[in-house]
Amino acid sequence: MAAADVRSLIAASGLPVLEARVLMGHALHVNRAWLIAHDTDPLTDAQVSAYKQLAERRRAGEPVAYLLGEKEFMGHRFQVTPSVLIPRADTEVLVETALGDLEGKTLEGKSLKGESRPAVLDMGTGSGAIAISLALARPDADVVATDVSTDALAVAQKNAISLGALVRFAQGSWFDALNSAGLPAVYDVIVSNPPYISSGDAHLDQGDLRFEPRQALTDFRDGLEALRIIIAGARPHLHAGGSLWLEHGWDQAAAVRALLVEAGFQRVSSRRDLSDIERISGGYL
């Protein structure tokens, strides 16, 4: 019997070709160019076994990001585990909007001596993708990231170290985490991608969401509870003119805008993601 090779294993995998190639490259520790150049080379039993195990887990629905242990976001590669949500490209609008609000907070290229550093807070940081992307784009900023999950914070801290980002981390639920010694009490920009899926949403039991941490996806209520808590508690933690931006579900923009207006925020608006869905909403003091 002929030895298995890359081409035959991918063809027999039952997976989309792109996914199968990505998993094969991961199993063999090679890049796409190598796979193309060596697609008929015989593989060892250990290589075949490693790939088949990954393919089987993927056929069972496990997200590719968890199988690879990483996911790209804002041009950076973040380690991910089942303890954190998988970063998604649609969340990049949250980072880009926050960066826009930070423009002009300090003079680029000028010494920060004698000037206050812009302070940014990311609550429910998960993998740290949002906070770390902000810190890498604005190394002059004082970026703080919080999460109630110690396992998630461990992942975020590893990502900050591997990517060379200066981020301060604190454990706790929403604004309670700021009780940690030495953290700023007031910020220029607050961002969050909180749990916003309602507990009865069927999507929680479909696709990748089945494998992601449930407490990071849903508030176990109507999907707006975490958003209400953040909006209601944000004002004392924002400088005058500061902004709050929140990611939410595809059908929650109007409700979140109403909560922001009720809490006294000005210039309340929503921004659309890559799918042209109102993905984030926010406002200014």
C-alpha atoms as a PDB file:
ATOM      1  CA  MET A   1       0.000   0.000   0.000  1.00  0.00           C
ATOM      2  CA  ALA A   2       1.406   3.382  -1.019  1.00  0.00           C
ATOM      3  CA  ALA A   3       2.447   5.725   1.752  1.00  0.00           C
ATOM      4  CA  ALA A   4       0.046   8.600   2.439  1.00  0.00           C
ATOM      5  CA  ASP A   5       1.001  12.014   1.121  1.00  0.00           C
ATOM      6  CA  VAL A   6      -0.218  15.579   1.543  1.00  0.00           C
ATOM      7  CA  ARG A   7      -2.406  15.554  -1.553  1.00  0.00           C
ATOM      8  CA  SER A   8      -4.237  12.324  -0.765  1.00  0.00           C
ATOM      9  CA  LEU A   9      -4.806  13.177   2.890  1.00  0.00           C
ATOM     10  CA  ILE A  10      -6.253  16.583   2.067  1.00  0.00           C
ATOM     11  CA  ALA A  11      -8.491  15.107  -0.620  1.00  0.00           C
ATOM     12  CA  ALA A  12      -9.809  12.464   1.785  1.00  0.00           C
ATOM     13  CA  SER A  13     -10.229  14.791   4.767  1.00  0.00           C
ATOM     14  CA  GLY A  14     -13.816  15.833   4.145  1.00  0.00           C
ATOM     15  CA  LEU A  15     -12.797  19.420   4.966  1.00  0.00           C
ATOM     16  CA  PRO A  16     -12.676  22.544   2.813  1.00  0.00           C
ATOM     17  CA  VAL A  17      -9.329  22.529   1.014  1.00  0.00           C
ATOM     18  CA  LEU A  18      -8.122  25.768   2.627  1.00  0.00           C
ATOM     19  CA  GLU A  19      -8.866  24.490   6.131  1.00  0.00           C
ATOM     20  CA  ALA A  20      -7.262  21.138   5.379  1.00  0.00           C
ATOM     21  CA  ARG A  21      -4.092  22.826   4.119  1.00  0.00           C
ATOM     22  CA  VAL A  22      -3.858  25.062   7.170  1.00  0.00           C
ATOM     23  CA  LEU A  23      -4.191  22.065   9.481  1.00  0.00           C
ATOM     24  CA  MET A  24      -1.695  20.073   7.448  1.00  0.00           C
ATOM     25  CA  GLY A  25       0.855  22.886   7.645  1.00  0.00           C
ATOM     26  CA  HIS A  26       0.338  23.049  11.397  1.00  0.00           C
ATOM     27  CA  ALA A  27       0.682  19.288  11.833  1.00  0.00           C
ATOM     28  CA  LEU A  28       3.879  19.154   9.779  1.00  0.00           C
ATOM     29  CA  HIS A  29       5.277  22.509  10.992  1.00  0.00           C
ATOM     30  CA  VAL A  30       5.720  23.723   7.404  1.00  0.00           C
ATOM     31  CA  ASN A  31       4.389  26.629   5.340  1.00  0.00           C
ATOM     32  CA  ARG A  32       2.039  26.660   2.354  1.00  0.00           C
ATOM     33  CA  ALA A  33       4.888  26.819  -0.155  1.00  0.00           C
ATOM     34  CA  TRP A  34       6.364  23.599   1.250  1.00  0.00           C
ATOM     35  CA  LEU A  35       3.004  21.849   1.011  1.00  0.00           C
ATOM     36  CA  ILE A  36       2.670  22.783  -2.652  1.00  0.00           C
ATOM     37  CA  ALA A  37       6.239  21.739  -3.500  1.00  0.00           C
ATOM     38  CA  HIS A  38       6.043  18.452  -1.579  1.00  0.00           C
ATOM     39  CA  ASP A  39       2.408  17.451  -1.918  1.00  0.00           C
ATOM     40  CA  THR A  40       3.250  13.951  -3.185  1.00  0.00           C
ATOM     41  CA  ASP A  41       6.110  13.231  -0.781  1.00  0.00           C
ATOM     42  CA  PRO A  42       5.406  10.240   1.483  1.00  0.00           C
ATOM     43  CA  LEU A  43       4.650  11.159   5.081  1.00  0.00           C
ATOM     44  CA  THR A  44       5.688   9.309   8.208  1.00  0.00           C
ATOM     45  CA  ASP A  45       3.160   7.489  10.351  1.00  0.00           C
ATOM     46  CA  ALA A  46       3.599  10.153  13.045  1.00  0.00           C
ATOM     47  CA  GLN A  47       2.886  12.951  10.559  1.00  0.00           C
ATOM     48  CA  VAL A  48      -0.199  11.191   9.233  1.00  0.00           C
ATOM     49  CA  SER A  49      -1.474  10.582  12.763  1.00  0.00           C
ATOM     50  CA  ALA A  50      -0.923  14.213  13.800  1.00  0.00           C
ATOM     51  CA  TYR A  51      -2.856  15.497  10.810  1.00  0.00           C
ATOM     52  CA  LYS A  52      -5.697  12.996  11.114  1.00  0.00           C
ATOM     53  CA  GLN A  53      -6.230  13.921  14.757  1.00  0.00           C
ATOM     54  CA  LEU A  54      -6.536  17.612  13.849  1.00  0.00           C
ATOM     55  CA  ALA A  55      -8.845  16.845  10.918  1.00  0.00           C
ATOM     56  CA  GLU A  56     -11.074  14.691  13.115  1.00  0.00           C
ATOM     57  CA  ARG A  57     -11.383  17.435  15.724  1.00  0.00           C
ATOM     58  CA  ARG A  58     -12.234  19.961  13.018  1.00  0.00           C
ATOM     59  CA  ARG A  59     -14.900  17.689  11.527  1.00  0.00           C
ATOM     60  CA  ALA A  60     -16.399  17.554  15.014  1.00  0.00           C
ATOM     61  CA  GLY A  61     -16.708  21.337  14.859  1.00  0.00           C
ATOM     62  CA  GLU A  62     -13.768  22.504  16.948  1.00  0.00           C
ATOM     63  CA  PRO A  63     -12.669  25.970  15.740  1.00  0.00           C
ATOM     64  CA  VAL A  64      -9.559  26.134  13.586  1.00  0.00           C
ATOM     65  CA  ALA A  65      -8.165  28.870  15.835  1.00  0.00           C
ATOM     66  CA  TYR A  66      -8.215  26.558  18.853  1.00  0.00           C
ATOM     67  CA  LEU A  67      -6.631  23.758  16.836  1.00  0.00           C
ATOM     68  CA  LEU A  68      -3.831  26.080  15.738  1.00  0.00           C
ATOM     69  CA  GLY A  69      -3.621  27.818  19.099  1.00  0.00           C
ATOM     70  CA  GLU A  70      -3.550  31.250  17.474  1.00  0.00           C
ATOM     71  CA  LYS A  71      -5.558  33.804  15.527  1.00  0.00           C
ATOM     72  CA  GLU A  72      -4.588  36.945  13.612  1.00  0.00           C
ATOM     73  CA  PHE A  73      -6.108  40.276  14.643  1.00  0.00           C
ATOM     74  CA  MET A  74      -5.075  43.776  13.528  1.00  0.00           C
ATOM     75  CA  GLY A  75      -2.015  42.277  11.834  1.00  0.00           C
ATOM     76  CA  HIS A  76      -0.786  40.534  14.994  1.00  0.00           C
ATOM     77  CA  ARG A  77      -0.908  36.854  15.930  1.00  0.00           C
ATOM     78  CA  PHE A  78      -2.569  36.151  19.268  1.00  0.00           C
ATOM     79  CA  GLN A  79      -2.404  32.924  21.205  1.00  0.00           C
ATOM     80  CA  VAL A  80      -5.898  31.597  21.905  1.00  0.00           C
ATOM     81  CA  THR A  81      -7.192  28.801  24.111  1.00  0.00           C
ATOM     82  CA  PRO A  82     -10.724  27.643  24.976  1.00  0.00           C
ATOM     83  CA  SER A  83     -10.478  30.053  27.945  1.00  0.00           C
ATOM     84  CA  VAL A  84     -10.898  33.065  25.629  1.00  0.00           C
ATOM     85  CA  LEU A  85     -13.057  34.161  22.734  1.00  0.00           C
ATOM     86  CA  ILE A  86     -11.537  33.876  19.287  1.00  0.00           C
ATOM     87  CA  PRO A  87     -10.689  37.404  18.036  1.00  0.00           C
ATOM     88  CA  ARG A  88     -12.768  38.324  14.998  1.00  0.00           C
ATOM     89  CA  ALA A  89     -12.072  40.833  12.242  1.00  0.00           C
ATOM     90  CA  ASP A  90     -15.387  42.601  12.903  1.00  0.00           C
ATOM     91  CA  THR A  91     -14.017  43.738  16.284  1.00  0.00           C
ATOM     92  CA  GLU A  92     -11.266  45.702  14.544  1.00  0.00           C
ATOM     93  CA  VAL A  93     -13.720  48.592  14.130  1.00  0.00           C
ATOM     94  CA  LEU A  94     -13.674  48.927  17.935  1.00  0.00           C
ATOM     95  CA  VAL A  95      -9.883  49.306  17.965  1.00  0.00           C
ATOM     96  CA  GLU A  96      -9.866  51.674  15.006  1.00  0.00           C
ATOM     97  CA  THR A  97     -12.531  53.885  16.584  1.00  0.00           C
ATOM     98  CA  ALA A  98     -10.658  54.047  19.892  1.00  0.00           C
ATOM     99  CA  LEU A  99      -7.453  54.980  18.076  1.00  0.00           C
ATOM    100  CA  GLY A 100      -9.326  57.752  16.307  1.00  0.00           C
ATOM    101  CA  ASP A 101     -10.450  59.162  19.646  1.00  0.00           C
ATOM    102  CA  LEU A 102      -6.870  59.045  20.942  1.00  0.00           C
ATOM    103  CA  GLU A 103      -5.564  61.201  18.107  1.00  0.00           C
ATOM    104  CA  GLY A 104      -4.429  64.541  19.448  1.00  0.00           C
ATOM    105  CA  LYS A 105      -4.321  63.376  23.061  1.00  0.00           C
ATOM    106  CA  THR A 106      -0.537  63.781  22.878  1.00  0.00           C
ATOM    107  CA  LEU A 107       1.731  65.237  20.216  1.00  0.00           C
ATOM    108  CA  GLU A 108       3.259  62.429  18.216  1.00  0.00           C
ATOM    109  CA  GLY A 109       7.039  62.551  18.251  1.00  0.00           C
ATOM    110  CA  LYS A 110       7.127  64.987  21.171  1.00  0.00           C
ATOM    111  CA  SER A 111       8.424  64.201  24.630  1.00  0.00           C
ATOM    112  CA  LEU A 112       5.734  63.130  27.045  1.00  0.00           C
ATOM    113  CA  LYS A 113       7.681  64.647  29.934  1.00  0.00           C
ATOM    114  CA  GLY A 114       5.371  66.975  31.774  1.00  0.00           C
ATOM    115  CA  GLU A 115       2.350  65.767  29.809  1.00  0.00           C
ATOM    116  CA  SER A 116      -0.212  63.237  30.937  1.00  0.00           C
ATOM    117  CA  ARG A 117      -0.309  59.988  29.025  1.00  0.00           C
ATOM    118  CA  PRO A 118      -3.640  59.113  27.408  1.00  0.00           C
ATOM    119  CA  ALA A 119      -5.298  56.374  29.450  1.00  0.00           C
ATOM    120  CA  VAL A 120      -7.269  53.539  27.859  1.00  0.00           C
ATOM    121  CA  LEU A 121      -9.349  50.856  29.564  1.00  0.00           C
ATOM    122  CA  ASP A 122     -10.388  47.570  27.936  1.00  0.00           C
ATOM    123  CA  MET A 123     -12.851  45.604  30.065  1.00  0.00           C
ATOM    124  CA  GLY A 124     -13.410  41.894  29.530  1.00  0.00           C
ATOM    125  CA  THR A 125     -10.154  41.669  27.595  1.00  0.00           C
ATOM    126  CA  GLY A 126     -10.125  37.904  26.950  1.00  0.00           C
ATOM    127  CA  SER A 127      -7.095  37.161  24.779  1.00  0.00           C
ATOM    128  CA  GLY A 128      -6.034  40.787  25.128  1.00  0.00           C
ATOM    129  CA  ALA A 129      -6.457  41.380  21.395  1.00  0.00           C
ATOM    130  CA  ILE A 130      -8.124  44.787  21.776  1.00  0.00           C
ATOM    131  CA  ALA A 131      -5.904  46.177  24.540  1.00  0.00           C
ATOM    132  CA  ILE A 132      -2.669  44.867  23.044  1.00  0.00           C
ATOM    133  CA  SER A 133      -3.522  46.177  19.571  1.00  0.00           C
ATOM    134  CA  LEU A 134      -4.171  49.601  21.099  1.00  0.00           C
ATOM    135  CA  ALA A 135      -0.925  49.496  23.076  1.00  0.00           C
ATOM    136  CA  LEU A 136       1.095  48.510  20.010  1.00  0.00           C
ATOM    137  CA  ALA A 137      -0.465  51.287  17.939  1.00  0.00           C
ATOM    138  CA  ARG A 138      -0.084  53.864  20.737  1.00  0.00           C
ATOM    139  CA  PRO A 139       2.944  52.902  22.855  1.00  0.00           C
ATOM    140  CA  ASP A 140       2.692  56.287  24.577  1.00  0.00           C
ATOM    141  CA  ALA A 141      -0.701  55.353  26.061  1.00  0.00           C
ATOM    142  CA  ASP A 142      -1.326  53.863  29.486  1.00  0.00           C
ATOM    143  CA  VAL A 143      -3.407  50.813  28.581  1.00  0.00           C
ATOM    144  CA  VAL A 144      -5.224  48.836  31.266  1.00  0.00           C
ATOM    145  CA  ALA A 145      -7.027  45.552  30.556  1.00  0.00           C
ATOM    146  CA  THR A 146      -9.325  43.707  32.942  1.00  0.00           C
ATOM    147  CA  ASP A 147     -11.168  40.417  33.035  1.00  0.00           C
ATOM    148  CA  VAL A 148     -13.066  38.454  35.658  1.00  0.00           C
ATOM    149  CA  SER A 149     -11.411  35.237  34.444  1.00  0.00           C
ATOM    150  CA  THR A 150      -7.922  34.517  35.747  1.00  0.00           C
ATOM    151  CA  ASP A 151      -7.451  31.957  32.955  1.00  0.00           C
ATOM    152  CA  ALA A 152      -8.244  34.587  30.338  1.00  0.00           C
ATOM    153  CA  LEU A 153      -5.853  37.061  31.954  1.00  0.00           C
ATOM    154  CA  ALA A 154      -3.081  34.463  31.839  1.00  0.00           C
ATOM    155  CA  VAL A 155      -3.577  34.155  28.070  1.00  0.00           C
ATOM    156  CA  ALA A 156      -3.681  37.938  27.634  1.00  0.00           C
ATOM    157  CA  GLN A 157      -0.502  38.420  29.652  1.00  0.00           C
ATOM    158  CA  LYS A 158       1.337  35.849  27.535  1.00  0.00           C
ATOM    159  CA  ASN A 159       0.196  37.647  24.391  1.00  0.00           C
ATOM    160  CA  ALA A 160       1.367  41.004  25.709  1.00  0.00           C
ATOM    161  CA  ILE A 161       4.790  39.578  26.472  1.00  0.00           C
ATOM    162  CA  SER A 162       5.175  37.766  23.147  1.00  0.00           C
ATOM    163  CA  LEU A 163       4.075  40.833  21.158  1.00  0.00           C
ATOM    164  CA  GLY A 164       6.064  43.318  23.233  1.00  0.00           C
ATOM    165  CA  ALA A 165       3.063  45.372  24.340  1.00  0.00           C
ATOM    166  CA  LEU A 166       3.002  47.376  27.563  1.00  0.00           C
ATOM    167  CA  VAL A 167      -0.388  46.646  29.118  1.00  0.00           C
ATOM    168  CA  ARG A 168      -1.363  46.551  32.782  1.00  0.00           C
ATOM    169  CA  PHE A 169      -3.761  43.768  33.738  1.00  0.00           C
ATOM    170  CA  ALA A 170      -6.220  43.477  36.629  1.00  0.00           C
ATOM    171  CA  GLN A 171      -8.676  40.796  37.656  1.00  0.00           C
ATOM    172  CA  GLY A 172     -12.234  41.655  38.563  1.00  0.00           C
ATOM    173  CA  SER A 173     -15.765  42.225  37.367  1.00  0.00           C
ATOM    174  CA  TRP A 174     -16.097  45.342  35.214  1.00  0.00           C
ATOM    175  CA  PHE A 175     -15.233  48.526  37.140  1.00  0.00           C
ATOM    176  CA  ASP A 176     -14.583  46.601  40.355  1.00  0.00           C
ATOM    177  CA  ALA A 177     -11.280  45.513  38.806  1.00  0.00           C
ATOM    178  CA  LEU A 178     -10.038  49.103  39.051  1.00  0.00           C
ATOM    179  CA  ASN A 179      -9.757  48.741  42.805  1.00  0.00           C
ATOM    180  CA  SER A 180      -6.341  47.189  42.145  1.00  0.00           C
ATOM    181  CA  ALA A 181      -3.572  49.392  43.509  1.00  0.00           C
ATOM    182  CA  GLY A 182      -1.904  51.782  41.130  1.00  0.00           C
ATOM    183  CA  LEU A 183      -4.459  51.724  38.332  1.00  0.00           C
ATOM    184  CA  PRO A 184      -5.910  54.963  36.971  1.00  0.00           C
ATOM    185  CA  ALA A 185      -9.437  55.695  38.135  1.00  0.00           C
ATOM    186  CA  VAL A 186     -10.268  57.876  35.115  1.00  0.00           C
ATOM    187  CA  TYR A 187      -9.658  57.255  31.399  1.00  0.00           C
ATOM    188  CA  ASP A 188      -9.745  59.019  28.058  1.00  0.00           C
ATOM    189  CA  VAL A 189     -11.252  56.034  26.245  1.00  0.00           C
ATOM    190  CA  ILE A 190     -13.061  52.971  27.576  1.00  0.00           C
ATOM    191  CA  VAL A 191     -13.777  50.034  25.279  1.00  0.00           C
ATOM    192  CA  SER A 192     -15.344  46.641  25.808  1.00  0.00           C
ATOM    193  CA  ASN A 193     -16.522  43.608  23.887  1.00  0.00           C
ATOM    194  CA  PRO A 194     -18.746  42.200  26.664  1.00  0.00           C
ATOM    195  CA  PRO A 195     -21.047  39.161  26.632  1.00  0.00           C
ATOM    196  CA  TYR A 196     -24.038  40.288  24.576  1.00  0.00           C
ATOM    197  CA  ILE A 197     -25.772  37.151  23.297  1.00  0.00           C
ATOM    198  CA  SER A 198     -29.077  36.423  24.990  1.00  0.00           C
ATOM    199  CA  SER A 199     -29.254  33.155  26.938  1.00  0.00           C
ATOM    200  CA  GLY A 200     -31.987  31.816  24.654  1.00  0.00           C
ATOM    201  CA  ASP A 201     -30.175  32.477  21.379  1.00  0.00           C
ATOM    202  CA  ALA A 202     -29.874  29.270  19.350  1.00  0.00           C
ATOM    203  CA  HIS A 203     -26.513  30.407  17.935  1.00  0.00           C
ATOM    204  CA  LEU A 204     -24.873  29.533  21.262  1.00  0.00           C
ATOM    205  CA  ASP A 205     -25.243  25.879  20.311  1.00  0.00           C
ATOM    206  CA  GLN A 206     -24.079  26.266  16.732  1.00  0.00           C
ATOM    207  CA  GLY A 207     -20.723  26.502  14.956  1.00  0.00           C
ATOM    208  CA  ASP A 208     -17.634  27.799  16.736  1.00  0.00           C
ATOM    209  CA  LEU A 209     -19.693  29.282  19.579  1.00  0.00           C
ATOM    210  CA  ARG A 210     -20.271  25.786  20.976  1.00  0.00           C
ATOM    211  CA  PHE A 211     -16.592  25.629  21.922  1.00  0.00           C
ATOM    212  CA  GLU A 212     -16.004  29.187  23.139  1.00  0.00           C
ATOM    213  CA  PRO A 213     -16.316  30.143  26.841  1.00  0.00           C
ATOM    214  CA  ARG A 214     -20.040  30.569  27.520  1.00  0.00           C
ATOM    215  CA  GLN A 215     -19.525  33.290  30.140  1.00  0.00           C
ATOM    216  CA  ALA A 216     -17.743  35.435  27.541  1.00  0.00           C
ATOM    217  CA  LEU A 217     -20.599  35.058  25.057  1.00  0.00           C
ATOM    218  CA  THR A 218     -23.778  35.508  27.073  1.00  0.00           C
ATOM    219  CA  ASP A 219     -24.888  37.390  30.164  1.00  0.00           C
ATOM    220  CA  PHE A 220     -27.289  34.479  30.820  1.00  0.00           C
ATOM    221  CA  ARG A 221     -30.116  37.002  30.500  1.00  0.00           C
ATOM    222  CA  ASP A 222     -31.369  39.191  27.663  1.00  0.00           C
ATOM    223  CA  GLY A 223     -27.963  40.017  26.165  1.00  0.00           C
ATOM    224  CA  LEU A 224     -28.004  43.622  27.364  1.00  0.00           C
ATOM    225  CA  GLU A 225     -27.191  43.176  31.058  1.00  0.00           C
ATOM    226  CA  ALA A 226     -23.403  43.583  30.803  1.00  0.00           C
ATOM    227  CA  LEU A 227     -23.881  46.528  28.447  1.00  0.00           C
ATOM    228  CA  ARG A 228     -26.222  48.174  30.969  1.00  0.00           C
ATOM    229  CA  ILE A 229     -23.715  47.709  33.797  1.00  0.00           C
ATOM    230  CA  ILE A 230     -20.835  49.185  31.808  1.00  0.00           C
ATOM    231  CA  ILE A 231     -22.807  52.167  30.524  1.00  0.00           C
ATOM    232  CA  ALA A 232     -24.295  52.929  33.949  1.00  0.00           C
ATOM    233  CA  GLY A 233     -20.903  52.812  35.646  1.00  0.00           C
ATOM    234  CA  ALA A 234     -18.716  54.513  33.054  1.00  0.00           C
ATOM    235  CA  ARG A 235     -19.209  58.237  33.747  1.00  0.00           C
ATOM    236  CA  PRO A 236     -17.104  58.467  36.954  1.00  0.00           C
ATOM    237  CA  HIS A 237     -14.261  56.733  35.114  1.00  0.00           C
ATOM    238  CA  LEU A 238     -14.107  59.037  32.083  1.00  0.00           C
ATOM    239  CA  HIS A 239     -12.402  62.398  31.681  1.00  0.00           C
ATOM    240  CA  ALA A 240     -14.502  65.236  30.312  1.00  0.00           C
ATOM    241  CA  GLY A 241     -14.654  64.672  26.568  1.00  0.00           C
ATOM    242  CA  GLY A 242     -13.745  61.019  27.040  1.00  0.00           C
ATOM    243  CA  SER A 243     -15.476  58.287  25.078  1.00  0.00           C
ATOM    244  CA  LEU A 244     -17.044  54.901  25.674  1.00  0.00           C
ATOM    245  CA  TRP A 245     -17.344  52.356  22.836  1.00  0.00           C
ATOM    246  CA  LEU A 246     -19.027  48.976  23.128  1.00  0.00           C
ATOM    247  CA  GLU A 247     -19.351  46.019  20.809  1.00  0.00           C
ATOM    248  CA  HIS A 248     -22.832  44.487  20.634  1.00  0.00           C
ATOM    249  CA  GLY A 249     -25.058  42.168  18.626  1.00  0.00           C
ATOM    250  CA  TRP A 250     -26.318  42.816  15.122  1.00  0.00           C
ATOM    251  CA  ASP A 251     -29.770  43.856  16.382  1.00  0.00           C
ATOM    252  CA  GLN A 252     -28.790  45.731  19.560  1.00  0.00           C
ATOM    253  CA  ALA A 253     -27.490  49.055  18.246  1.00  0.00           C
ATOM    254  CA  ALA A 254     -30.677  51.026  18.850  1.00  0.00           C
ATOM    255  CA  ALA A 255     -31.050  49.649  22.379  1.00  0.00           C
ATOM    256  CA  VAL A 256     -27.419  50.439  23.237  1.00  0.00           C
ATOM    257  CA  ARG A 257     -27.695  53.967  21.832  1.00  0.00           C
ATOM    258  CA  ALA A 258     -30.791  54.526  23.989  1.00  0.00           C
ATOM    259  CA  LEU A 259     -28.889  53.356  27.079  1.00  0.00           C
ATOM    260  CA  LEU A 260     -26.025  55.718  26.267  1.00  0.00           C
ATOM    261  CA  VAL A 261     -28.352  58.694  25.807  1.00  0.00           C
ATOM    262  CA  GLU A 262     -30.165  57.852  29.052  1.00  0.00           C
ATOM    263  CA  ALA A 263     -26.799  57.801  30.851  1.00  0.00           C
ATOM    264  CA  GLY A 264     -25.992  61.313  29.595  1.00  0.00           C
ATOM    265  CA  PHE A 265     -23.569  60.573  26.764  1.00  0.00           C
ATOM    266  CA  GLN A 266     -23.366  63.024  23.888  1.00  0.00           C
ATOM    267  CA  ARG A 267     -22.799  62.509  20.142  1.00  0.00           C
ATOM    268  CA  VAL A 268     -24.034  58.956  20.482  1.00  0.00           C
ATOM    269  CA  SER A 269     -23.588  56.913  17.320  1.00  0.00           C
ATOM    270  CA  SER A 270     -22.918  53.446  15.935  1.00  0.00           C
ATOM    271  CA  ARG A 271     -20.193  52.198  13.583  1.00  0.00           C
ATOM    272  CA  ARG A 272     -20.492  49.394  11.037  1.00  0.00           C
ATOM    273  CA  ASP A 273     -18.250  46.351  10.700  1.00  0.00           C
ATOM    274  CA  LEU A 274     -16.884  44.647   7.584  1.00  0.00           C
ATOM    275  CA  SER A 275     -20.295  43.057   6.964  1.00  0.00           C
ATOM    276  CA  ASP A 276     -21.978  46.491   7.091  1.00  0.00           C
ATOM    277  CA  ILE A 277     -23.635  45.616  10.414  1.00  0.00           C
ATOM    278  CA  GLU A 278     -23.856  48.158  13.228  1.00  0.00           C
ATOM    279  CA  ARG A 279     -21.242  46.443  15.386  1.00  0.00           C
ATOM    280  CA  ILE A 280     -20.282  49.069  17.992  1.00  0.00           C
ATOM    281  CA  SER A 281     -21.987  52.015  19.623  1.00  0.00           C
ATOM    282  CA  GLY A 282     -20.625  54.752  21.814  1.00  0.00           C
ATOM    283  CA  GLY A 283     -20.628  58.350  22.886  1.00  0.00           C
ATOM    284  CA  TYR A 284     -18.734  61.149  24.620  1.00  0.00           C
ATOM    285  CA  LEU A 285     -18.965  63.031  27.900  1.00  0.00           C
END
